[in-house]
Amino acid sequence: MLSDYTQTEFTHEGVTKPVYVRGHGPAVIVIHEIPGITPHVTRFADWVVDAGFRVYMPLLVGEAGPAPTVGYALKSLAKICISREFHVLAGHRSSPVTNWLRALARHAHAEAGGKGVGTVGMCFSGNFALSMMMEPALMAPVLSQPSLPFPFGAARKAALHVSPEELTCLKERCSKGDKVLGLRFKGDITSPGERFETLRRELGDAFEGIEIDDKYANPKSPEPKPHSVLTEDLIDEDGQPTKEAAKRVVAFFVERLKTA
């Protein structure tokens, strides 16, 4: 499914990662979930391309192409847990990889042009979209089932995985008209509802949270419980809540990056 994408590399401060690029129009950075860039992550990226955007898909862990399996997911999860690029238990501190992602956003904006850049993070990368708002070019952040910090204890369940400085920047931007979109399944304990409550409290009407009943998850999903709103647990049929959520994400990018 990646045959239509051009594999490039992006380097910032000595760190180089593969990036898969396709399309024309304003830039949207699609950040994959565990275990890597799977066929369903690529399917969602294709929908963004079809809406008139230039997609940048960085590979942070795992591989580009294979479908998820239990073993593959555990291997990627283990890498995230031990890597210095990810702070999986930090409630009030972002992962260092977000510095690289902000630089990618600047690069993508310079290359693709337009009003600004959108991004969607999924699972472990979900809250990275908040930290990326420190980059002025980032104008359309989407959080899909944000799972960091791992929700061990009440404080971490409600935490946003951003530093106080990043949260202040986010709140200032939202007070001036910026918006944040979030997605999760209601029963997802890895992306707890307390996290969305924090976003509503901190951002007010600037945060749009879509919470989907677990019964609308794809029954053929390899996920043990409903989790991946835009990928494995999405039912690709118009009218299904997960498909409508994916359409809302694309519409959000259009509103923020294309509408005058």
C-alpha atoms as a PDB file:
ATOM      1  CA  MET A   1       0.000   0.000   0.000  1.00  0.00           C
ATOM      2  CA  LEU A   2       3.037   2.276   0.232  1.00  0.00           C
ATOM      3  CA  SER A   3       3.926   1.911  -3.447  1.00  0.00           C
ATOM      4  CA  ASP A   4       2.444   5.338  -4.207  1.00  0.00           C
ATOM      5  CA  TYR A   5       4.553   7.010  -1.519  1.00  0.00           C
ATOM      6  CA  THR A   6       8.061   8.356  -1.942  1.00  0.00           C
ATOM      7  CA  GLN A   7      10.429   7.221   0.793  1.00  0.00           C
ATOM      8  CA  THR A   8      12.603  10.096   1.925  1.00  0.00           C
ATOM      9  CA  GLU A   9      14.618  10.912   5.019  1.00  0.00           C
ATOM     10  CA  PHE A  10      14.522  13.894   7.348  1.00  0.00           C
ATOM     11  CA  THR A  11      17.365  14.858   9.670  1.00  0.00           C
ATOM     12  CA  HIS A  12      17.250  17.235  12.618  1.00  0.00           C
ATOM     13  CA  GLU A  13      20.021  17.713  15.167  1.00  0.00           C
ATOM     14  CA  GLY A  14      21.760  14.556  13.986  1.00  0.00           C
ATOM     15  CA  VAL A  15      18.642  12.360  14.133  1.00  0.00           C
ATOM     16  CA  THR A  16      17.517  10.870  10.812  1.00  0.00           C
ATOM     17  CA  LYS A  17      14.256   9.012  10.270  1.00  0.00           C
ATOM     18  CA  PRO A  18      12.435   7.675   7.204  1.00  0.00           C
ATOM     19  CA  VAL A  19       9.452   9.712   6.022  1.00  0.00           C
ATOM     20  CA  TYR A  20       6.916   8.529   3.439  1.00  0.00           C
ATOM     21  CA  VAL A  21       5.471  11.353   1.342  1.00  0.00           C
ATOM     22  CA  ARG A  22       2.577  11.556  -1.073  1.00  0.00           C
ATOM     23  CA  GLY A  23       0.156  14.128  -2.457  1.00  0.00           C
ATOM     24  CA  HIS A  24      -0.144  17.832  -3.166  1.00  0.00           C
ATOM     25  CA  GLY A  25      -1.536  20.661  -1.089  1.00  0.00           C
ATOM     26  CA  PRO A  26      -1.047  21.764   2.528  1.00  0.00           C
ATOM     27  CA  ALA A  27       1.046  19.402   4.621  1.00  0.00           C
ATOM     28  CA  VAL A  28      -0.440  16.897   7.073  1.00  0.00           C
ATOM     29  CA  ILE A  29       1.848  14.773   9.242  1.00  0.00           C
ATOM     30  CA  VAL A  30       0.327  11.349   9.966  1.00  0.00           C
ATOM     31  CA  ILE A  31       2.085   9.798  12.959  1.00  0.00           C
ATOM     32  CA  HIS A  32       1.499   6.067  13.233  1.00  0.00           C
ATOM     33  CA  GLU A  33       0.494   4.026  16.264  1.00  0.00           C
ATOM     34  CA  ILE A  34       2.031   0.826  17.627  1.00  0.00           C
ATOM     35  CA  PRO A  35       3.437  -1.236  15.978  1.00  0.00           C
ATOM     36  CA  GLY A  36       4.389   0.888  12.916  1.00  0.00           C
ATOM     37  CA  ILE A  37       3.062   2.092   9.573  1.00  0.00           C
ATOM     38  CA  THR A  38       0.452  -0.617   8.993  1.00  0.00           C
ATOM     39  CA  PRO A  39      -1.858  -0.987   5.984  1.00  0.00           C
ATOM     40  CA  HIS A  40      -4.711   0.699   7.853  1.00  0.00           C
ATOM     41  CA  VAL A  41      -2.523   3.646   8.852  1.00  0.00           C
ATOM     42  CA  THR A  42      -1.683   4.009   5.174  1.00  0.00           C
ATOM     43  CA  ARG A  43      -5.379   3.717   4.260  1.00  0.00           C
ATOM     44  CA  PHE A  44      -6.178   6.684   6.493  1.00  0.00           C
ATOM     45  CA  ALA A  45      -3.247   8.634   5.020  1.00  0.00           C
ATOM     46  CA  ASP A  46      -4.625   7.911   1.543  1.00  0.00           C
ATOM     47  CA  TRP A  47      -7.948   9.493   2.549  1.00  0.00           C
ATOM     48  CA  VAL A  48      -6.079  12.627   3.601  1.00  0.00           C
ATOM     49  CA  VAL A  49      -4.211  12.695   0.285  1.00  0.00           C
ATOM     50  CA  ASP A  50      -7.488  12.269  -1.602  1.00  0.00           C
ATOM     51  CA  ALA A  51      -8.845  15.349   0.188  1.00  0.00           C
ATOM     52  CA  GLY A  52      -6.094  17.485  -1.341  1.00  0.00           C
ATOM     53  CA  PHE A  53      -3.207  17.339   1.127  1.00  0.00           C
ATOM     54  CA  ARG A  54       0.447  16.381   1.021  1.00  0.00           C
ATOM     55  CA  VAL A  55       0.967  13.649   3.619  1.00  0.00           C
ATOM     56  CA  TYR A  56       4.206  13.096   5.513  1.00  0.00           C
ATOM     57  CA  MET A  57       4.372   9.777   7.418  1.00  0.00           C
ATOM     58  CA  PRO A  58       7.455   9.472   9.627  1.00  0.00           C
ATOM     59  CA  LEU A  59       8.481   6.032  10.834  1.00  0.00           C
ATOM     60  CA  LEU A  60       9.236   6.326  14.563  1.00  0.00           C
ATOM     61  CA  VAL A  61       9.309   2.625  15.502  1.00  0.00           C
ATOM     62  CA  GLY A  62       8.642  -0.693  13.824  1.00  0.00           C
ATOM     63  CA  GLU A  63       8.438  -1.121  10.079  1.00  0.00           C
ATOM     64  CA  ALA A  64       6.595   0.364   7.122  1.00  0.00           C
ATOM     65  CA  GLY A  65       4.075  -1.995   5.566  1.00  0.00           C
ATOM     66  CA  PRO A  66       3.442  -5.100   7.699  1.00  0.00           C
ATOM     67  CA  ALA A  67       0.062  -5.721   9.313  1.00  0.00           C
ATOM     68  CA  PRO A  68      -0.045  -5.778  13.123  1.00  0.00           C
ATOM     69  CA  THR A  69       0.463  -8.998  15.062  1.00  0.00           C
ATOM     70  CA  VAL A  70       0.751  -9.549  18.804  1.00  0.00           C
ATOM     71  CA  GLY A  71       4.480 -10.267  18.567  1.00  0.00           C
ATOM     72  CA  TYR A  72       5.141  -7.277  16.342  1.00  0.00           C
ATOM     73  CA  ALA A  73       3.186  -4.984  18.680  1.00  0.00           C
ATOM     74  CA  LEU A  74       5.053  -6.225  21.753  1.00  0.00           C
ATOM     75  CA  LYS A  75       8.397  -5.707  20.021  1.00  0.00           C
ATOM     76  CA  SER A  76       7.535  -2.096  19.113  1.00  0.00           C
ATOM     77  CA  LEU A  77       6.130  -1.432  22.577  1.00  0.00           C
ATOM     78  CA  ALA A  78       9.339  -2.681  24.171  1.00  0.00           C
ATOM     79  CA  LYS A  79      11.377  -0.337  21.983  1.00  0.00           C
ATOM     80  CA  ILE A  80       9.230   2.635  22.977  1.00  0.00           C
ATOM     81  CA  CYS A  81       9.598   1.780  26.662  1.00  0.00           C
ATOM     82  CA  ILE A  82      13.414   1.698  26.585  1.00  0.00           C
ATOM     83  CA  SER A  83      14.115   4.400  23.995  1.00  0.00           C
ATOM     84  CA  ARG A  84      15.373   7.777  25.180  1.00  0.00           C
ATOM     85  CA  GLU A  85      13.125   9.394  22.561  1.00  0.00           C
ATOM     86  CA  PHE A  86       9.975   8.473  24.491  1.00  0.00           C
ATOM     87  CA  HIS A  87       9.061   9.235  28.106  1.00  0.00           C
ATOM     88  CA  VAL A  88       6.177   6.827  28.505  1.00  0.00           C
ATOM     89  CA  LEU A  89       5.400   7.630  32.159  1.00  0.00           C
ATOM     90  CA  ALA A  90       5.917  11.391  32.081  1.00  0.00           C
ATOM     91  CA  GLY A  91       2.684  13.228  32.825  1.00  0.00           C
ATOM     92  CA  HIS A  92       4.000  16.785  32.669  1.00  0.00           C
ATOM     93  CA  ARG A  93       6.904  16.379  30.281  1.00  0.00           C
ATOM     94  CA  SER A  94       6.800  15.619  26.568  1.00  0.00           C
ATOM     95  CA  SER A  95       8.836  12.989  24.743  1.00  0.00           C
ATOM     96  CA  PRO A  96      12.092  14.247  23.172  1.00  0.00           C
ATOM     97  CA  VAL A  97      10.988  12.963  19.754  1.00  0.00           C
ATOM     98  CA  THR A  98       8.517  15.869  19.615  1.00  0.00           C
ATOM     99  CA  ASN A  99      11.451  18.226  18.957  1.00  0.00           C
ATOM    100  CA  TRP A 100      12.195  16.254  15.785  1.00  0.00           C
ATOM    101  CA  LEU A 101       8.507  16.282  14.840  1.00  0.00           C
ATOM    102  CA  ARG A 102       8.277  20.064  15.223  1.00  0.00           C
ATOM    103  CA  ALA A 103      11.256  20.400  12.909  1.00  0.00           C
ATOM    104  CA  LEU A 104       9.541  18.092  10.425  1.00  0.00           C
ATOM    105  CA  ALA A 105       6.474  20.359  10.584  1.00  0.00           C
ATOM    106  CA  ARG A 106       8.621  23.384   9.709  1.00  0.00           C
ATOM    107  CA  HIS A 107      10.205  21.486   6.837  1.00  0.00           C
ATOM    108  CA  ALA A 108       6.848  20.244   5.540  1.00  0.00           C
ATOM    109  CA  HIS A 109       5.356  23.744   5.652  1.00  0.00           C
ATOM    110  CA  ALA A 110       8.303  25.191   3.743  1.00  0.00           C
ATOM    111  CA  GLU A 111       8.056  22.450   1.137  1.00  0.00           C
ATOM    112  CA  ALA A 112       4.268  22.222   0.731  1.00  0.00           C
ATOM    113  CA  GLY A 113       3.330  25.848   1.396  1.00  0.00           C
ATOM    114  CA  GLY A 114      -0.165  26.930   2.371  1.00  0.00           C
ATOM    115  CA  LYS A 115      -1.549  28.384   5.581  1.00  0.00           C
ATOM    116  CA  GLY A 116       0.030  25.836   7.872  1.00  0.00           C
ATOM    117  CA  VAL A 117       0.425  22.179   8.780  1.00  0.00           C
ATOM    118  CA  GLY A 118      -1.918  19.590  10.284  1.00  0.00           C
ATOM    119  CA  THR A 119      -1.010  16.486  12.226  1.00  0.00           C
ATOM    120  CA  VAL A 120      -2.678  13.435  13.691  1.00  0.00           C
ATOM    121  CA  GLY A 121      -1.065  11.304  16.369  1.00  0.00           C
ATOM    122  CA  MET A 122      -2.361   7.856  17.271  1.00  0.00           C
ATOM    123  CA  CYS A 123      -1.978   5.834  20.453  1.00  0.00           C
ATOM    124  CA  PHE A 124       1.534   6.434  21.863  1.00  0.00           C
ATOM    125  CA  SER A 125       1.941   9.403  19.500  1.00  0.00           C
ATOM    126  CA  GLY A 126      -1.516  10.874  20.168  1.00  0.00           C
ATOM    127  CA  ASN A 127      -0.485  13.649  22.536  1.00  0.00           C
ATOM    128  CA  PHE A 128       2.542  14.544  20.407  1.00  0.00           C
ATOM    129  CA  ALA A 129       0.153  16.782  18.454  1.00  0.00           C
ATOM    130  CA  LEU A 130      -0.173  18.998  21.548  1.00  0.00           C
ATOM    131  CA  SER A 131       3.584  19.448  21.968  1.00  0.00           C
ATOM    132  CA  MET A 132       3.905  20.201  18.261  1.00  0.00           C
ATOM    133  CA  MET A 133       1.769  23.326  18.765  1.00  0.00           C
ATOM    134  CA  MET A 134       4.964  25.013  19.988  1.00  0.00           C
ATOM    135  CA  GLU A 135       5.721  25.240  16.250  1.00  0.00           C
ATOM    136  CA  PRO A 136       3.712  28.181  14.831  1.00  0.00           C
ATOM    137  CA  ALA A 137       3.195  26.411  11.486  1.00  0.00           C
ATOM    138  CA  LEU A 138       1.222  23.630  13.207  1.00  0.00           C
ATOM    139  CA  MET A 139      -2.417  24.729  12.946  1.00  0.00           C
ATOM    140  CA  ALA A 140      -4.546  21.568  13.007  1.00  0.00           C
ATOM    141  CA  PRO A 141      -3.685  19.091  15.810  1.00  0.00           C
ATOM    142  CA  VAL A 142      -5.629  15.822  16.110  1.00  0.00           C
ATOM    143  CA  LEU A 143      -5.254  13.348  18.970  1.00  0.00           C
ATOM    144  CA  SER A 144      -6.527   9.835  18.269  1.00  0.00           C
ATOM    145  CA  GLN A 145      -6.692   7.607  21.371  1.00  0.00           C
ATOM    146  CA  PRO A 146      -3.785   9.463  23.090  1.00  0.00           C
ATOM    147  CA  SER A 147      -2.140   6.867  25.346  1.00  0.00           C
ATOM    148  CA  LEU A 148       0.863   8.615  26.918  1.00  0.00           C
ATOM    149  CA  PRO A 149       1.606   8.769  29.707  1.00  0.00           C
ATOM    150  CA  PHE A 150       0.690   5.145  30.331  1.00  0.00           C
ATOM    151  CA  PRO A 151      -2.310   5.552  32.676  1.00  0.00           C
ATOM    152  CA  PHE A 152      -0.881   4.052  35.882  1.00  0.00           C
ATOM    153  CA  GLY A 153      -2.573   5.934  38.715  1.00  0.00           C
ATOM    154  CA  ALA A 154      -5.146   8.719  38.788  1.00  0.00           C
ATOM    155  CA  ALA A 155      -2.681  11.517  38.030  1.00  0.00           C
ATOM    156  CA  ARG A 156      -1.369   9.870  34.864  1.00  0.00           C
ATOM    157  CA  LYS A 157      -4.890   9.074  33.646  1.00  0.00           C
ATOM    158  CA  ALA A 158      -5.627  12.800  33.526  1.00  0.00           C
ATOM    159  CA  ALA A 159      -2.175  13.942  32.354  1.00  0.00           C
ATOM    160  CA  LEU A 160      -1.488  15.287  28.861  1.00  0.00           C
ATOM    161  CA  HIS A 161       2.207  14.382  28.400  1.00  0.00           C
ATOM    162  CA  VAL A 162       3.166  18.024  27.836  1.00  0.00           C
ATOM    163  CA  SER A 163       5.423  20.375  29.752  1.00  0.00           C
ATOM    164  CA  PRO A 164       4.007  23.413  31.593  1.00  0.00           C
ATOM    165  CA  GLU A 165       5.575  25.632  28.909  1.00  0.00           C
ATOM    166  CA  GLU A 166       3.895  23.639  26.130  1.00  0.00           C
ATOM    167  CA  LEU A 167       0.541  23.730  27.907  1.00  0.00           C
ATOM    168  CA  THR A 168       0.783  27.507  28.336  1.00  0.00           C
ATOM    169  CA  CYS A 169       1.546  27.914  24.632  1.00  0.00           C
ATOM    170  CA  LEU A 170      -1.352  25.631  23.714  1.00  0.00           C
ATOM    171  CA  LYS A 171      -3.805  27.542  25.895  1.00  0.00           C
ATOM    172  CA  GLU A 172      -2.651  30.900  24.528  1.00  0.00           C
ATOM    173  CA  ARG A 173      -3.071  29.695  20.960  1.00  0.00           C
ATOM    174  CA  CYS A 174      -6.524  28.301  21.685  1.00  0.00           C
ATOM    175  CA  SER A 175      -7.551  31.568  23.324  1.00  0.00           C
ATOM    176  CA  LYS A 176      -6.751  33.248  19.996  1.00  0.00           C
ATOM    177  CA  GLY A 177      -8.807  30.877  17.856  1.00  0.00           C
ATOM    178  CA  ASP A 178      -6.832  27.656  17.427  1.00  0.00           C
ATOM    179  CA  LYS A 179      -8.641  24.335  17.839  1.00  0.00           C
ATOM    180  CA  VAL A 180      -7.809  20.795  18.958  1.00  0.00           C
ATOM    181  CA  LEU A 181      -9.671  17.626  17.915  1.00  0.00           C
ATOM    182  CA  GLY A 182      -9.603  14.394  19.910  1.00  0.00           C
ATOM    183  CA  LEU A 183     -10.964  10.864  19.327  1.00  0.00           C
ATOM    184  CA  ARG A 184     -11.323   7.838  21.601  1.00  0.00           C
ATOM    185  CA  PHE A 185     -13.524   4.875  22.412  1.00  0.00           C
ATOM    186  CA  LYS A 186     -15.492   5.376  25.623  1.00  0.00           C
ATOM    187  CA  GLY A 187     -14.282   2.143  27.191  1.00  0.00           C
ATOM    188  CA  ASP A 188     -10.613   2.497  26.249  1.00  0.00           C
ATOM    189  CA  ILE A 189      -8.644   2.271  29.498  1.00  0.00           C
ATOM    190  CA  THR A 190      -5.355   2.935  27.699  1.00  0.00           C
ATOM    191  CA  SER A 191      -6.700   6.323  26.588  1.00  0.00           C
ATOM    192  CA  PRO A 192      -8.841   7.206  29.604  1.00  0.00           C
ATOM    193  CA  GLY A 193     -11.728   9.645  29.641  1.00  0.00           C
ATOM    194  CA  GLU A 194     -10.007  11.676  32.351  1.00  0.00           C
ATOM    195  CA  ARG A 195      -7.544  12.861  29.701  1.00  0.00           C
ATOM    196  CA  PHE A 196     -10.341  14.383  27.626  1.00  0.00           C
ATOM    197  CA  GLU A 197     -11.796  15.937  30.781  1.00  0.00           C
ATOM    198  CA  THR A 198      -8.454  17.675  31.321  1.00  0.00           C
ATOM    199  CA  LEU A 199      -8.474  18.967  27.752  1.00  0.00           C
ATOM    200  CA  ARG A 200     -12.003  20.308  28.138  1.00  0.00           C
ATOM    201  CA  ARG A 201     -11.077  22.020  31.393  1.00  0.00           C
ATOM    202  CA  GLU A 202      -7.866  23.548  30.043  1.00  0.00           C
ATOM    203  CA  LEU A 203      -9.010  24.457  26.512  1.00  0.00           C
ATOM    204  CA  GLY A 204     -12.751  24.970  26.893  1.00  0.00           C
ATOM    205  CA  ASP A 205     -14.679  25.178  23.633  1.00  0.00           C
ATOM    206  CA  ALA A 206     -11.420  25.036  21.675  1.00  0.00           C
ATOM    207  CA  PHE A 207     -11.337  21.279  22.291  1.00  0.00           C
ATOM    208  CA  GLU A 208     -13.665  19.041  20.301  1.00  0.00           C
ATOM    209  CA  GLY A 209     -13.767  15.548  21.744  1.00  0.00           C
ATOM    210  CA  ILE A 210     -15.403  12.654  19.879  1.00  0.00           C
ATOM    211  CA  GLU A 211     -16.027   9.637  22.124  1.00  0.00           C
ATOM    212  CA  ILE A 212     -17.426   6.514  20.455  1.00  0.00           C
ATOM    213  CA  ASP A 213     -19.304   3.692  22.135  1.00  0.00           C
ATOM    214  CA  ASP A 214     -17.296   0.465  22.095  1.00  0.00           C
ATOM    215  CA  LYS A 215     -20.106  -1.411  20.339  1.00  0.00           C
ATOM    216  CA  TYR A 216     -19.291   0.479  17.136  1.00  0.00           C
ATOM    217  CA  ALA A 217     -15.744  -0.901  16.895  1.00  0.00           C
ATOM    218  CA  ASN A 218     -14.816  -3.247  14.074  1.00  0.00           C
ATOM    219  CA  PRO A 219     -15.661  -6.793  15.270  1.00  0.00           C
ATOM    220  CA  LYS A 220     -12.897  -8.157  13.021  1.00  0.00           C
ATOM    221  CA  SER A 221     -10.213  -5.956  14.598  1.00  0.00           C
ATOM    222  CA  PRO A 222      -7.065  -7.664  15.907  1.00  0.00           C
ATOM    223  CA  GLU A 223      -7.188  -5.307  18.911  1.00  0.00           C
ATOM    224  CA  PRO A 224      -8.222  -7.148  22.113  1.00  0.00           C
ATOM    225  CA  LYS A 225     -10.496  -4.210  23.025  1.00  0.00           C
ATOM    226  CA  PRO A 226     -11.680  -1.154  21.038  1.00  0.00           C
ATOM    227  CA  HIS A 227      -8.778   1.293  20.733  1.00  0.00           C
ATOM    228  CA  SER A 228      -7.670   2.352  17.244  1.00  0.00           C
ATOM    229  CA  VAL A 229     -10.385   4.723  16.050  1.00  0.00           C
ATOM    230  CA  LEU A 230      -8.934   5.568  12.629  1.00  0.00           C
ATOM    231  CA  THR A 231      -7.320   2.234  11.757  1.00  0.00           C
ATOM    232  CA  GLU A 232      -7.884  -1.312  13.040  1.00  0.00           C
ATOM    233  CA  ASP A 233     -11.195  -0.625  14.794  1.00  0.00           C
ATOM    234  CA  LEU A 234     -12.670   1.493  11.996  1.00  0.00           C
ATOM    235  CA  ILE A 235     -15.585   0.070  10.012  1.00  0.00           C
ATOM    236  CA  ASP A 236     -15.177   1.373   6.478  1.00  0.00           C
ATOM    237  CA  GLU A 237     -18.837   2.065   5.794  1.00  0.00           C
ATOM    238  CA  ASP A 238     -20.546   5.454   5.546  1.00  0.00           C
ATOM    239  CA  GLY A 239     -22.694   6.101   8.588  1.00  0.00           C
ATOM    240  CA  GLN A 240     -20.547   4.023  10.923  1.00  0.00           C
ATOM    241  CA  PRO A 241     -19.359   6.201  13.847  1.00  0.00           C
ATOM    242  CA  THR A 242     -15.702   5.355  13.257  1.00  0.00           C
ATOM    243  CA  LYS A 243     -15.885   6.212   9.540  1.00  0.00           C
ATOM    244  CA  GLU A 244     -17.716   9.436  10.368  1.00  0.00           C
ATOM    245  CA  ALA A 245     -14.976  10.260  12.886  1.00  0.00           C
ATOM    246  CA  ALA A 246     -12.358   9.794  10.152  1.00  0.00           C
ATOM    247  CA  LYS A 247     -14.368  12.096   7.890  1.00  0.00           C
ATOM    248  CA  ARG A 248     -14.468  14.667  10.691  1.00  0.00           C
ATOM    249  CA  VAL A 249     -10.680  14.566  10.968  1.00  0.00           C
ATOM    250  CA  VAL A 250     -10.304  15.247   7.251  1.00  0.00           C
ATOM    251  CA  ALA A 251     -12.920  18.019   7.440  1.00  0.00           C
ATOM    252  CA  PHE A 252     -10.987  19.529  10.376  1.00  0.00           C
ATOM    253  CA  PHE A 253      -7.869  19.687   8.215  1.00  0.00           C
ATOM    254  CA  VAL A 254      -9.861  21.367   5.454  1.00  0.00           C
ATOM    255  CA  GLU A 255     -11.341  23.914   7.860  1.00  0.00           C
ATOM    256  CA  ARG A 256      -8.038  24.775   9.488  1.00  0.00           C
ATOM    257  CA  LEU A 257      -5.688  24.604   6.505  1.00  0.00           C
ATOM    258  CA  LYS A 258      -7.758  25.416   3.412  1.00  0.00           C
ATOM    259  CA  THR A 259     -10.722  27.589   4.413  1.00  0.00           C
ATOM    260  CA  ALA A 260     -10.101  31.299   3.955  1.00  0.00           C
END
